Amino acid sequence: MLCAALMALHSLVPNTALNLGSLFQTVLPWTGLAVPLLLALAAVRRSRLAAVAVLAPALVWAVLFGPALTDKRSTEAPGPTGLTVLSHNVDEANPDPAGTARALARADADVLALVELSEGSTPVYARELAATHPHHAVLGGVGLWSRHRLTAVAEVEIMPWTRALRATAETPEGPVAVYAAHLASVRVSGAGFTTARRNEAAGKLAAALRAEPAPRVVVLGDFNGTYQDAALAPVTSQLRSAQREAGKGFGFTYPAAFPVVRIDDVLVRGVTPLASWTLPATGSDHRPVAATLRF
């Protein structure tokens, strides 16, 4: 019953001690593993009451995450008023940026948001993506590549160094405000789940989004936190997750070799997600995510 209560009331788990609330919400989908464990313990104790009680966490998990297991991707083509976007933390230590760039080009997205660019890899992406995405803007370690002209490119000041930018993609169907963001990294250590800098960056990004006048907004990037993390609510409360609305499964992205959390996302406002998916691993330690949107 305690397990069921923790799942159901996860948003109330406080961050006052070691930021355990954020850590719990980050791994929330994996709490379902408690169900077979509790069943096994009930079998060992030969307790029918315990076996029946396991229905409580099983039911709560099903309510929370059952919809994620269904395929919500639309077979409807986006038509002339659609946009396909892709977000990827390309990893500054990526040993094969050229191969990564070619894989992203094959994804056939209209707009790419790349974060964790390095001084050495940025020219490689610019060269490899020039033929498919002739318009690009890079500020610090974040960049946008687009088939459509990019205007009003500006830094979004979320940290002392550049970790986010905003541009307008001038699509044939009208302008779209596109953000590429890379929130501060988090770590699990003896000090707990260190999220203070990430949360501060999220607050500044949220302020920029509140001030955004464009009716169509797409925010792409590595948020170093999941959509369920209440500490990111200043951002997520303003936007919708394409994966939650139009994806299949959890869409885990990190670590690339065996993803267990979704910290990379496509968040939108003023557009309708038709499909969302995670792409195969590249040379990065994150997997790319993409979504097809309808205006």
C-alpha atoms as a PDB file:
ATOM      1  CA  MET A   1       0.000   0.000   0.000  1.00  0.00           C
ATOM      2  CA  LEU A   2       2.940   2.307   0.698  1.00  0.00           C
ATOM      3  CA  CYS A   3       4.249   1.554  -2.789  1.00  0.00           C
ATOM      4  CA  ALA A   4       0.851   2.410  -4.292  1.00  0.00           C
ATOM      5  CA  ALA A   5       0.680   5.646  -2.313  1.00  0.00           C
ATOM      6  CA  LEU A   6       4.162   6.725  -3.404  1.00  0.00           C
ATOM      7  CA  MET A   7       3.259   6.144  -7.053  1.00  0.00           C
ATOM      8  CA  ALA A   8      -0.080   7.913  -6.834  1.00  0.00           C
ATOM      9  CA  LEU A   9       1.268  10.884  -4.883  1.00  0.00           C
ATOM     10  CA  HIS A  10       4.670  11.129  -6.582  1.00  0.00           C
ATOM     11  CA  SER A  11       4.254  14.852  -7.251  1.00  0.00           C
ATOM     12  CA  LEU A  12       4.027  15.426  -3.481  1.00  0.00           C
ATOM     13  CA  VAL A  13       7.321  13.715  -2.660  1.00  0.00           C
ATOM     14  CA  PRO A  14       9.348  16.672  -1.352  1.00  0.00           C
ATOM     15  CA  ASN A  15      12.711  17.856  -2.589  1.00  0.00           C
ATOM     16  CA  THR A  16      13.674  19.176   0.823  1.00  0.00           C
ATOM     17  CA  ALA A  17      15.971  16.238   1.538  1.00  0.00           C
ATOM     18  CA  LEU A  18      18.591  15.518  -1.148  1.00  0.00           C
ATOM     19  CA  ASN A  19      16.101  16.321  -3.947  1.00  0.00           C
ATOM     20  CA  LEU A  20      14.649  12.843  -3.586  1.00  0.00           C
ATOM     21  CA  GLY A  21      11.361  13.977  -5.155  1.00  0.00           C
ATOM     22  CA  SER A  22      13.017  14.765  -8.486  1.00  0.00           C
ATOM     23  CA  LEU A  23      15.056  11.562  -8.377  1.00  0.00           C
ATOM     24  CA  PHE A  24      11.941   9.465  -7.675  1.00  0.00           C
ATOM     25  CA  GLN A  25       9.980  11.145 -10.465  1.00  0.00           C
ATOM     26  CA  THR A  26      12.854  10.609 -12.899  1.00  0.00           C
ATOM     27  CA  VAL A  27      12.713   6.836 -12.432  1.00  0.00           C
ATOM     28  CA  LEU A  28       8.951   6.709 -11.864  1.00  0.00           C
ATOM     29  CA  PRO A  29       8.124   4.313 -14.752  1.00  0.00           C
ATOM     30  CA  TRP A  30      10.468   1.738 -13.206  1.00  0.00           C
ATOM     31  CA  THR A  31       8.468   1.614  -9.982  1.00  0.00           C
ATOM     32  CA  GLY A  32       6.349  -0.974 -11.777  1.00  0.00           C
ATOM     33  CA  LEU A  33       9.124  -3.469 -11.043  1.00  0.00           C
ATOM     34  CA  ALA A  34       7.920  -3.413  -7.451  1.00  0.00           C
ATOM     35  CA  VAL A  35       4.790  -5.315  -8.485  1.00  0.00           C
ATOM     36  CA  PRO A  36       6.449  -8.654  -9.434  1.00  0.00           C
ATOM     37  CA  LEU A  37       8.819  -8.275  -6.465  1.00  0.00           C
ATOM     38  CA  LEU A  38       5.900  -7.863  -4.061  1.00  0.00           C
ATOM     39  CA  LEU A  39       4.104 -10.795  -5.665  1.00  0.00           C
ATOM     40  CA  ALA A  40       7.195 -12.947  -5.148  1.00  0.00           C
ATOM     41  CA  LEU A  41       7.348 -11.917  -1.488  1.00  0.00           C
ATOM     42  CA  ALA A  42       3.659 -12.721  -1.101  1.00  0.00           C
ATOM     43  CA  ALA A  43       4.305 -16.175  -2.579  1.00  0.00           C
ATOM     44  CA  VAL A  44       7.205 -16.783  -0.221  1.00  0.00           C
ATOM     45  CA  ARG A  45       5.030 -15.829   2.742  1.00  0.00           C
ATOM     46  CA  ARG A  46       2.065 -17.762   1.255  1.00  0.00           C
ATOM     47  CA  SER A  47      -0.086 -14.747   2.032  1.00  0.00           C
ATOM     48  CA  ARG A  48      -3.268 -14.364  -0.010  1.00  0.00           C
ATOM     49  CA  LEU A  49      -3.908 -10.994   1.578  1.00  0.00           C
ATOM     50  CA  ALA A  50      -0.511  -9.720   0.432  1.00  0.00           C
ATOM     51  CA  ALA A  51      -1.114 -11.066  -3.078  1.00  0.00           C
ATOM     52  CA  VAL A  52      -4.428  -9.236  -3.288  1.00  0.00           C
ATOM     53  CA  ALA A  53      -2.874  -6.061  -1.884  1.00  0.00           C
ATOM     54  CA  VAL A  54      -0.375  -6.036  -4.761  1.00  0.00           C
ATOM     55  CA  LEU A  55      -3.311  -5.116  -6.997  1.00  0.00           C
ATOM     56  CA  ALA A  56      -3.138  -1.595  -5.549  1.00  0.00           C
ATOM     57  CA  PRO A  57       0.323  -0.610  -6.917  1.00  0.00           C
ATOM     58  CA  ALA A  58      -0.388  -2.557 -10.103  1.00  0.00           C
ATOM     59  CA  LEU A  59      -3.560  -0.545 -10.694  1.00  0.00           C
ATOM     60  CA  VAL A  60      -1.878   2.789  -9.907  1.00  0.00           C
ATOM     61  CA  TRP A  61       1.000   2.004 -12.284  1.00  0.00           C
ATOM     62  CA  ALA A  62      -1.459   1.008 -15.001  1.00  0.00           C
ATOM     63  CA  VAL A  63      -3.348   4.287 -14.621  1.00  0.00           C
ATOM     64  CA  LEU A  64      -0.129   6.318 -14.693  1.00  0.00           C
ATOM     65  CA  PHE A  65       1.647   4.539 -17.519  1.00  0.00           C
ATOM     66  CA  GLY A  66      -0.816   2.269 -19.286  1.00  0.00           C
ATOM     67  CA  PRO A  67      -1.538   4.949 -21.927  1.00  0.00           C
ATOM     68  CA  ALA A  68       2.196   5.193 -22.696  1.00  0.00           C
ATOM     69  CA  LEU A  69       2.177   1.557 -23.809  1.00  0.00           C
ATOM     70  CA  THR A  70      -0.441   2.196 -26.486  1.00  0.00           C
ATOM     71  CA  ASP A  71       0.475   3.369 -29.959  1.00  0.00           C
ATOM     72  CA  LYS A  72      -0.847   6.926 -30.271  1.00  0.00           C
ATOM     73  CA  ARG A  73       0.982   7.705 -33.493  1.00  0.00           C
ATOM     74  CA  SER A  74      -1.328   8.931 -36.232  1.00  0.00           C
ATOM     75  CA  THR A  75      -1.213   7.454 -39.713  1.00  0.00           C
ATOM     76  CA  GLU A  76      -2.438  10.793 -41.018  1.00  0.00           C
ATOM     77  CA  ALA A  77       0.088  12.565 -43.218  1.00  0.00           C
ATOM     78  CA  PRO A  78       0.988  16.042 -41.998  1.00  0.00           C
ATOM     79  CA  GLY A  79       0.143  17.433 -45.442  1.00  0.00           C
ATOM     80  CA  PRO A  80       1.128  20.918 -46.525  1.00  0.00           C
ATOM     81  CA  THR A  81       0.723  22.346 -43.022  1.00  0.00           C
ATOM     82  CA  GLY A  82       3.094  20.114 -41.144  1.00  0.00           C
ATOM     83  CA  LEU A  83       6.591  20.147 -39.727  1.00  0.00           C
ATOM     84  CA  THR A  84       8.921  17.344 -38.668  1.00  0.00           C
ATOM     85  CA  VAL A  85      11.424  18.237 -35.960  1.00  0.00           C
ATOM     86  CA  LEU A  86      14.331  16.367 -34.407  1.00  0.00           C
ATOM     87  CA  SER A  87      16.329  16.915 -31.235  1.00  0.00           C
ATOM     88  CA  HIS A  88      19.661  15.341 -30.366  1.00  0.00           C
ATOM     89  CA  ASN A  89      22.292  15.766 -27.698  1.00  0.00           C
ATOM     90  CA  VAL A  90      25.194  14.906 -29.993  1.00  0.00           C
ATOM     91  CA  ASP A  91      27.725  14.526 -27.117  1.00  0.00           C
ATOM     92  CA  GLU A  92      30.819  16.707 -27.249  1.00  0.00           C
ATOM     93  CA  ALA A  93      32.915  13.533 -26.927  1.00  0.00           C
ATOM     94  CA  ASN A  94      31.181  11.897 -29.921  1.00  0.00           C
ATOM     95  CA  PRO A  95      33.903  10.015 -31.841  1.00  0.00           C
ATOM     96  CA  ASP A  96      32.015  10.194 -35.151  1.00  0.00           C
ATOM     97  CA  PRO A  97      30.226  13.533 -35.628  1.00  0.00           C
ATOM     98  CA  ALA A  98      30.208  13.092 -39.418  1.00  0.00           C
ATOM     99  CA  GLY A  99      28.424   9.746 -39.119  1.00  0.00           C
ATOM    100  CA  THR A 100      25.996  11.222 -36.630  1.00  0.00           C
ATOM    101  CA  ALA A 101      25.259  14.122 -38.973  1.00  0.00           C
ATOM    102  CA  ARG A 102      24.583  11.762 -41.886  1.00  0.00           C
ATOM    103  CA  ALA A 103      22.232   9.678 -39.723  1.00  0.00           C
ATOM    104  CA  LEU A 104      20.326  12.821 -38.728  1.00  0.00           C
ATOM    105  CA  ALA A 105      20.089  13.956 -42.347  1.00  0.00           C
ATOM    106  CA  ARG A 106      18.537  10.605 -43.280  1.00  0.00           C
ATOM    107  CA  ALA A 107      15.823  11.157 -40.658  1.00  0.00           C
ATOM    108  CA  ASP A 108      14.234  13.636 -43.092  1.00  0.00           C
ATOM    109  CA  ALA A 109      13.285  16.251 -40.479  1.00  0.00           C
ATOM    110  CA  ASP A 110      12.631  19.864 -41.415  1.00  0.00           C
ATOM    111  CA  VAL A 111      14.320  21.309 -38.322  1.00  0.00           C
ATOM    112  CA  LEU A 112      17.145  19.802 -36.269  1.00  0.00           C
ATOM    113  CA  ALA A 113      18.148  20.993 -32.803  1.00  0.00           C
ATOM    114  CA  LEU A 114      21.619  19.852 -31.758  1.00  0.00           C
ATOM    115  CA  VAL A 115      23.008  20.442 -28.283  1.00  0.00           C
ATOM    116  CA  GLU A 116      26.380  19.768 -26.698  1.00  0.00           C
ATOM    117  CA  LEU A 117      28.184  20.873 -29.829  1.00  0.00           C
ATOM    118  CA  SER A 118      31.920  21.341 -29.474  1.00  0.00           C
ATOM    119  CA  GLU A 119      34.243  23.796 -31.152  1.00  0.00           C
ATOM    120  CA  GLY A 120      35.686  20.970 -33.234  1.00  0.00           C
ATOM    121  CA  SER A 121      32.438  19.228 -34.175  1.00  0.00           C
ATOM    122  CA  THR A 122      30.342  22.240 -35.173  1.00  0.00           C
ATOM    123  CA  PRO A 123      32.079  22.703 -38.566  1.00  0.00           C
ATOM    124  CA  VAL A 124      31.590  18.982 -39.241  1.00  0.00           C
ATOM    125  CA  TYR A 125      27.828  19.214 -38.709  1.00  0.00           C
ATOM    126  CA  ALA A 126      27.679  22.392 -40.787  1.00  0.00           C
ATOM    127  CA  ARG A 127      29.469  20.657 -43.663  1.00  0.00           C
ATOM    128  CA  GLU A 128      27.544  17.386 -43.534  1.00  0.00           C
ATOM    129  CA  LEU A 129      24.110  19.019 -43.173  1.00  0.00           C
ATOM    130  CA  ALA A 130      24.620  21.829 -45.692  1.00  0.00           C
ATOM    131  CA  ALA A 131      22.957  19.984 -48.571  1.00  0.00           C
ATOM    132  CA  THR A 132      19.809  18.984 -46.680  1.00  0.00           C
ATOM    133  CA  HIS A 133      19.532  21.856 -44.198  1.00  0.00           C
ATOM    134  CA  PRO A 134      20.981  25.008 -45.766  1.00  0.00           C
ATOM    135  CA  HIS A 135      19.941  27.330 -42.942  1.00  0.00           C
ATOM    136  CA  HIS A 136      21.610  27.062 -39.567  1.00  0.00           C
ATOM    137  CA  ALA A 137      22.404  29.064 -36.454  1.00  0.00           C
ATOM    138  CA  VAL A 138      24.835  28.106 -33.700  1.00  0.00           C
ATOM    139  CA  LEU A 139      25.402  29.914 -30.414  1.00  0.00           C
ATOM    140  CA  GLY A 140      27.810  28.311 -27.986  1.00  0.00           C
ATOM    141  CA  GLY A 141      27.052  24.631 -27.718  1.00  0.00           C
ATOM    142  CA  VAL A 142      23.518  24.712 -29.169  1.00  0.00           C
ATOM    143  CA  GLY A 143      22.426  24.971 -32.773  1.00  0.00           C
ATOM    144  CA  LEU A 144      19.522  24.743 -35.183  1.00  0.00           C
ATOM    145  CA  TRP A 145      19.658  23.390 -38.739  1.00  0.00           C
ATOM    146  CA  SER A 146      16.645  23.972 -40.952  1.00  0.00           C
ATOM    147  CA  ARG A 147      15.250  23.558 -44.430  1.00  0.00           C
ATOM    148  CA  HIS A 148      13.480  26.847 -43.867  1.00  0.00           C
ATOM    149  CA  ARG A 149      14.998  30.256 -43.343  1.00  0.00           C
ATOM    150  CA  LEU A 150      15.825  31.103 -39.727  1.00  0.00           C
ATOM    151  CA  THR A 151      15.298  34.644 -38.478  1.00  0.00           C
ATOM    152  CA  ALA A 152      15.351  36.457 -35.129  1.00  0.00           C
ATOM    153  CA  VAL A 153      18.097  34.200 -33.808  1.00  0.00           C
ATOM    154  CA  ALA A 154      18.933  35.094 -30.210  1.00  0.00           C
ATOM    155  CA  GLU A 155      20.454  33.569 -27.110  1.00  0.00           C
ATOM    156  CA  VAL A 156      18.099  32.589 -24.319  1.00  0.00           C
ATOM    157  CA  GLU A 157      20.037  33.333 -21.160  1.00  0.00           C
ATOM    158  CA  ILE A 158      19.438  30.359 -18.897  1.00  0.00           C
ATOM    159  CA  MET A 159      23.014  29.906 -17.609  1.00  0.00           C
ATOM    160  CA  PRO A 160      26.206  31.967 -17.379  1.00  0.00           C
ATOM    161  CA  TRP A 161      27.318  30.448 -20.697  1.00  0.00           C
ATOM    162  CA  THR A 162      25.167  29.825 -23.780  1.00  0.00           C
ATOM    163  CA  ARG A 163      22.963  26.739 -23.408  1.00  0.00           C
ATOM    164  CA  ALA A 164      19.811  27.827 -25.263  1.00  0.00           C
ATOM    165  CA  LEU A 165      18.773  29.775 -28.331  1.00  0.00           C
ATOM    166  CA  ARG A 166      15.559  30.871 -29.961  1.00  0.00           C
ATOM    167  CA  ALA A 167      14.858  31.384 -33.662  1.00  0.00           C
ATOM    168  CA  THR A 168      11.889  31.779 -35.967  1.00  0.00           C
ATOM    169  CA  ALA A 169      11.555  29.121 -38.678  1.00  0.00           C
ATOM    170  CA  GLU A 170       9.923  30.793 -41.655  1.00  0.00           C
ATOM    171  CA  THR A 171       7.910  27.875 -43.002  1.00  0.00           C
ATOM    172  CA  PRO A 172       5.651  28.177 -46.090  1.00  0.00           C
ATOM    173  CA  GLU A 173       2.657  27.961 -43.734  1.00  0.00           C
ATOM    174  CA  GLY A 174       3.886  30.690 -41.429  1.00  0.00           C
ATOM    175  CA  PRO A 175       6.438  31.322 -38.678  1.00  0.00           C
ATOM    176  CA  VAL A 176       7.208  28.923 -35.829  1.00  0.00           C
ATOM    177  CA  ALA A 177       9.226  29.874 -32.751  1.00  0.00           C
ATOM    178  CA  VAL A 178      11.814  27.131 -32.229  1.00  0.00           C
ATOM    179  CA  TYR A 179      13.919  26.814 -29.079  1.00  0.00           C
ATOM    180  CA  ALA A 180      16.973  24.610 -28.651  1.00  0.00           C
ATOM    181  CA  ALA A 181      17.834  24.143 -24.988  1.00  0.00           C
ATOM    182  CA  HIS A 182      20.285  22.187 -22.869  1.00  0.00           C
ATOM    183  CA  LEU A 183      19.530  22.514 -19.186  1.00  0.00           C
ATOM    184  CA  ALA A 184      22.282  22.052 -16.605  1.00  0.00           C
ATOM    185  CA  SER A 185      23.430  18.521 -15.906  1.00  0.00           C
ATOM    186  CA  VAL A 186      22.408  16.637 -12.782  1.00  0.00           C
ATOM    187  CA  ARG A 187      24.298  14.069 -10.768  1.00  0.00           C
ATOM    188  CA  VAL A 188      23.516  11.459  -8.130  1.00  0.00           C
ATOM    189  CA  SER A 189      26.104  11.720  -5.366  1.00  0.00           C
ATOM    190  CA  GLY A 190      26.518  11.745  -1.617  1.00  0.00           C
ATOM    191  CA  ALA A 191      24.853  15.165  -1.706  1.00  0.00           C
ATOM    192  CA  GLY A 192      21.751  13.611  -3.251  1.00  0.00           C
ATOM    193  CA  PHE A 193      20.281  14.470  -6.633  1.00  0.00           C
ATOM    194  CA  THR A 194      22.044  17.731  -7.521  1.00  0.00           C
ATOM    195  CA  THR A 195      19.433  19.670  -9.480  1.00  0.00           C
ATOM    196  CA  ALA A 196      19.756  23.260  -8.242  1.00  0.00           C
ATOM    197  CA  ARG A 197      21.458  24.636 -11.358  1.00  0.00           C
ATOM    198  CA  ARG A 198      19.118  22.726 -13.647  1.00  0.00           C
ATOM    199  CA  ASN A 199      16.073  24.009 -11.808  1.00  0.00           C
ATOM    200  CA  GLU A 200      17.374  27.573 -11.999  1.00  0.00           C
ATOM    201  CA  ALA A 201      17.931  27.198 -15.752  1.00  0.00           C
ATOM    202  CA  ALA A 202      14.426  25.763 -16.136  1.00  0.00           C
ATOM    203  CA  GLY A 203      12.988  28.794 -14.363  1.00  0.00           C
ATOM    204  CA  LYS A 204      14.742  31.159 -16.758  1.00  0.00           C
ATOM    205  CA  LEU A 205      13.621  29.149 -19.786  1.00  0.00           C
ATOM    206  CA  ALA A 206      10.070  29.205 -18.422  1.00  0.00           C
ATOM    207  CA  ALA A 207      10.204  32.994 -18.133  1.00  0.00           C
ATOM    208  CA  ALA A 208      11.282  33.261 -21.774  1.00  0.00           C
ATOM    209  CA  LEU A 209       8.425  30.991 -22.829  1.00  0.00           C
ATOM    210  CA  ARG A 210       5.883  33.044 -20.873  1.00  0.00           C
ATOM    211  CA  ALA A 211       7.085  36.124 -22.734  1.00  0.00           C
ATOM    212  CA  GLU A 212       7.043  34.371 -26.138  1.00  0.00           C
ATOM    213  CA  PRO A 213       4.454  36.084 -28.384  1.00  0.00           C
ATOM    214  CA  ALA A 214       4.432  33.513 -31.210  1.00  0.00           C
ATOM    215  CA  PRO A 215       1.321  31.314 -31.281  1.00  0.00           C
ATOM    216  CA  ARG A 216       3.317  28.281 -32.489  1.00  0.00           C
ATOM    217  CA  VAL A 217       6.169  27.210 -30.227  1.00  0.00           C
ATOM    218  CA  VAL A 218       8.420  24.152 -30.361  1.00  0.00           C
ATOM    219  CA  VAL A 219      11.009  23.530 -27.645  1.00  0.00           C
ATOM    220  CA  LEU A 220      13.648  20.909 -28.386  1.00  0.00           C
ATOM    221  CA  GLY A 221      16.560  19.708 -26.334  1.00  0.00           C
ATOM    222  CA  ASP A 222      18.057  17.879 -23.410  1.00  0.00           C
ATOM    223  CA  PHE A 223      16.214  18.847 -20.239  1.00  0.00           C
ATOM    224  CA  ASN A 224      18.249  16.620 -17.897  1.00  0.00           C
ATOM    225  CA  GLY A 225      14.951  15.647 -16.337  1.00  0.00           C
ATOM    226  CA  THR A 226      11.725  13.933 -17.280  1.00  0.00           C
ATOM    227  CA  TYR A 227       8.317  15.379 -18.042  1.00  0.00           C
ATOM    228  CA  GLN A 228       7.084  13.934 -14.709  1.00  0.00           C
ATOM    229  CA  ASP A 229       9.678  15.819 -12.662  1.00  0.00           C
ATOM    230  CA  ALA A 230       7.699  18.412 -10.714  1.00  0.00           C
ATOM    231  CA  ALA A 231      10.781  20.632 -10.488  1.00  0.00           C
ATOM    232  CA  LEU A 232      10.502  21.199 -14.257  1.00  0.00           C
ATOM    233  CA  ALA A 233       6.830  22.218 -14.011  1.00  0.00           C
ATOM    234  CA  PRO A 234       7.601  25.899 -14.776  1.00  0.00           C
ATOM    235  CA  VAL A 235       8.478  24.694 -18.286  1.00  0.00           C
ATOM    236  CA  THR A 236       6.299  21.629 -18.757  1.00  0.00           C
ATOM    237  CA  SER A 237       3.140  23.314 -17.462  1.00  0.00           C
ATOM    238  CA  GLN A 238       3.315  25.651 -20.463  1.00  0.00           C
ATOM    239  CA  LEU A 239       3.938  22.964 -23.069  1.00  0.00           C
ATOM    240  CA  ARG A 240       2.764  19.531 -24.155  1.00  0.00           C
ATOM    241  CA  SER A 241       4.991  16.520 -24.743  1.00  0.00           C
ATOM    242  CA  ALA A 242       4.768  15.139 -28.270  1.00  0.00           C
ATOM    243  CA  GLN A 243       5.730  11.696 -26.952  1.00  0.00           C
ATOM    244  CA  ARG A 244       2.938  11.629 -24.390  1.00  0.00           C
ATOM    245  CA  GLU A 245       0.361  12.743 -26.954  1.00  0.00           C
ATOM    246  CA  ALA A 246       1.477  10.933 -30.091  1.00  0.00           C
ATOM    247  CA  GLY A 247       4.158   8.399 -29.234  1.00  0.00           C
ATOM    248  CA  LYS A 248       4.427   4.696 -28.505  1.00  0.00           C
ATOM    249  CA  GLY A 249       6.076   3.445 -25.357  1.00  0.00           C
ATOM    250  CA  PHE A 250       8.184   5.507 -23.011  1.00  0.00           C
ATOM    251  CA  GLY A 251      10.626   6.774 -25.628  1.00  0.00           C
ATOM    252  CA  PHE A 252      13.633   6.478 -23.321  1.00  0.00           C
ATOM    253  CA  THR A 253      16.724   8.292 -24.613  1.00  0.00           C
ATOM    254  CA  TYR A 254      19.546   7.928 -22.078  1.00  0.00           C
ATOM    255  CA  PRO A 255      21.984   6.261 -21.890  1.00  0.00           C
ATOM    256  CA  ALA A 256      22.016   5.382 -25.576  1.00  0.00           C
ATOM    257  CA  ALA A 257      23.314   1.842 -25.103  1.00  0.00           C
ATOM    258  CA  PHE A 258      20.437   0.915 -22.770  1.00  0.00           C
ATOM    259  CA  PRO A 259      18.022   3.836 -22.308  1.00  0.00           C
ATOM    260  CA  VAL A 260      16.211   3.983 -18.973  1.00  0.00           C
ATOM    261  CA  VAL A 261      14.982   7.599 -18.818  1.00  0.00           C
ATOM    262  CA  ARG A 262      13.598  10.142 -21.264  1.00  0.00           C
ATOM    263  CA  ILE A 263      15.463  13.380 -20.645  1.00  0.00           C
ATOM    264  CA  ASP A 264      15.400  14.537 -24.286  1.00  0.00           C
ATOM    265  CA  ASP A 265      12.054  15.722 -25.562  1.00  0.00           C
ATOM    266  CA  VAL A 266       9.926  17.629 -28.056  1.00  0.00           C
ATOM    267  CA  LEU A 267       7.613  20.047 -26.249  1.00  0.00           C
ATOM    268  CA  VAL A 268       5.030  22.101 -28.125  1.00  0.00           C
ATOM    269  CA  ARG A 269       2.395  24.809 -27.895  1.00  0.00           C
ATOM    270  CA  GLY A 270      -0.039  25.877 -30.596  1.00  0.00           C
ATOM    271  CA  VAL A 271       0.595  22.835 -32.823  1.00  0.00           C
ATOM    272  CA  THR A 272      -0.742  19.270 -32.824  1.00  0.00           C
ATOM    273  CA  PRO A 273       1.641  16.303 -32.520  1.00  0.00           C
ATOM    274  CA  LEU A 274       0.800  13.552 -35.005  1.00  0.00           C
ATOM    275  CA  ALA A 275       3.646  11.173 -34.200  1.00  0.00           C
ATOM    276  CA  SER A 276       6.674  10.994 -31.935  1.00  0.00           C
ATOM    277  CA  TRP A 277       9.500   8.469 -31.909  1.00  0.00           C
ATOM    278  CA  THR A 278      13.037   7.737 -30.736  1.00  0.00           C
ATOM    279  CA  LEU A 279      15.711   7.132 -33.351  1.00  0.00           C
ATOM    280  CA  PRO A 280      18.488   4.515 -33.262  1.00  0.00           C
ATOM    281  CA  ALA A 281      21.678   5.301 -31.393  1.00  0.00           C
ATOM    282  CA  THR A 282      24.398   7.355 -33.058  1.00  0.00           C
ATOM    283  CA  GLY A 283      27.907   8.036 -31.774  1.00  0.00           C
ATOM    284  CA  SER A 284      26.376  10.007 -28.892  1.00  0.00           C
ATOM    285  CA  ASP A 285      25.497   8.846 -25.393  1.00  0.00           C
ATOM    286  CA  HIS A 286      21.922  10.064 -26.023  1.00  0.00           C
ATOM    287  CA  ARG A 287      19.422   8.854 -28.620  1.00  0.00           C
ATOM    288  CA  PRO A 288      17.742  11.359 -30.945  1.00  0.00           C
ATOM    289  CA  VAL A 289      14.021  12.079 -30.684  1.00  0.00           C
ATOM    290  CA  ALA A 290      11.701  13.308 -33.426  1.00  0.00           C
ATOM    291  CA  ALA A 291       8.093  14.331 -33.922  1.00  0.00           C
ATOM    292  CA  THR A 292       5.762  15.204 -36.745  1.00  0.00           C
ATOM    293  CA  LEU A 293       3.580  18.212 -36.004  1.00  0.00           C
ATOM    294  CA  ARG A 294       0.494  19.677 -37.703  1.00  0.00           C
ATOM    295  CA  PHE A 295      -0.289  23.380 -37.662  1.00  0.00           C
END
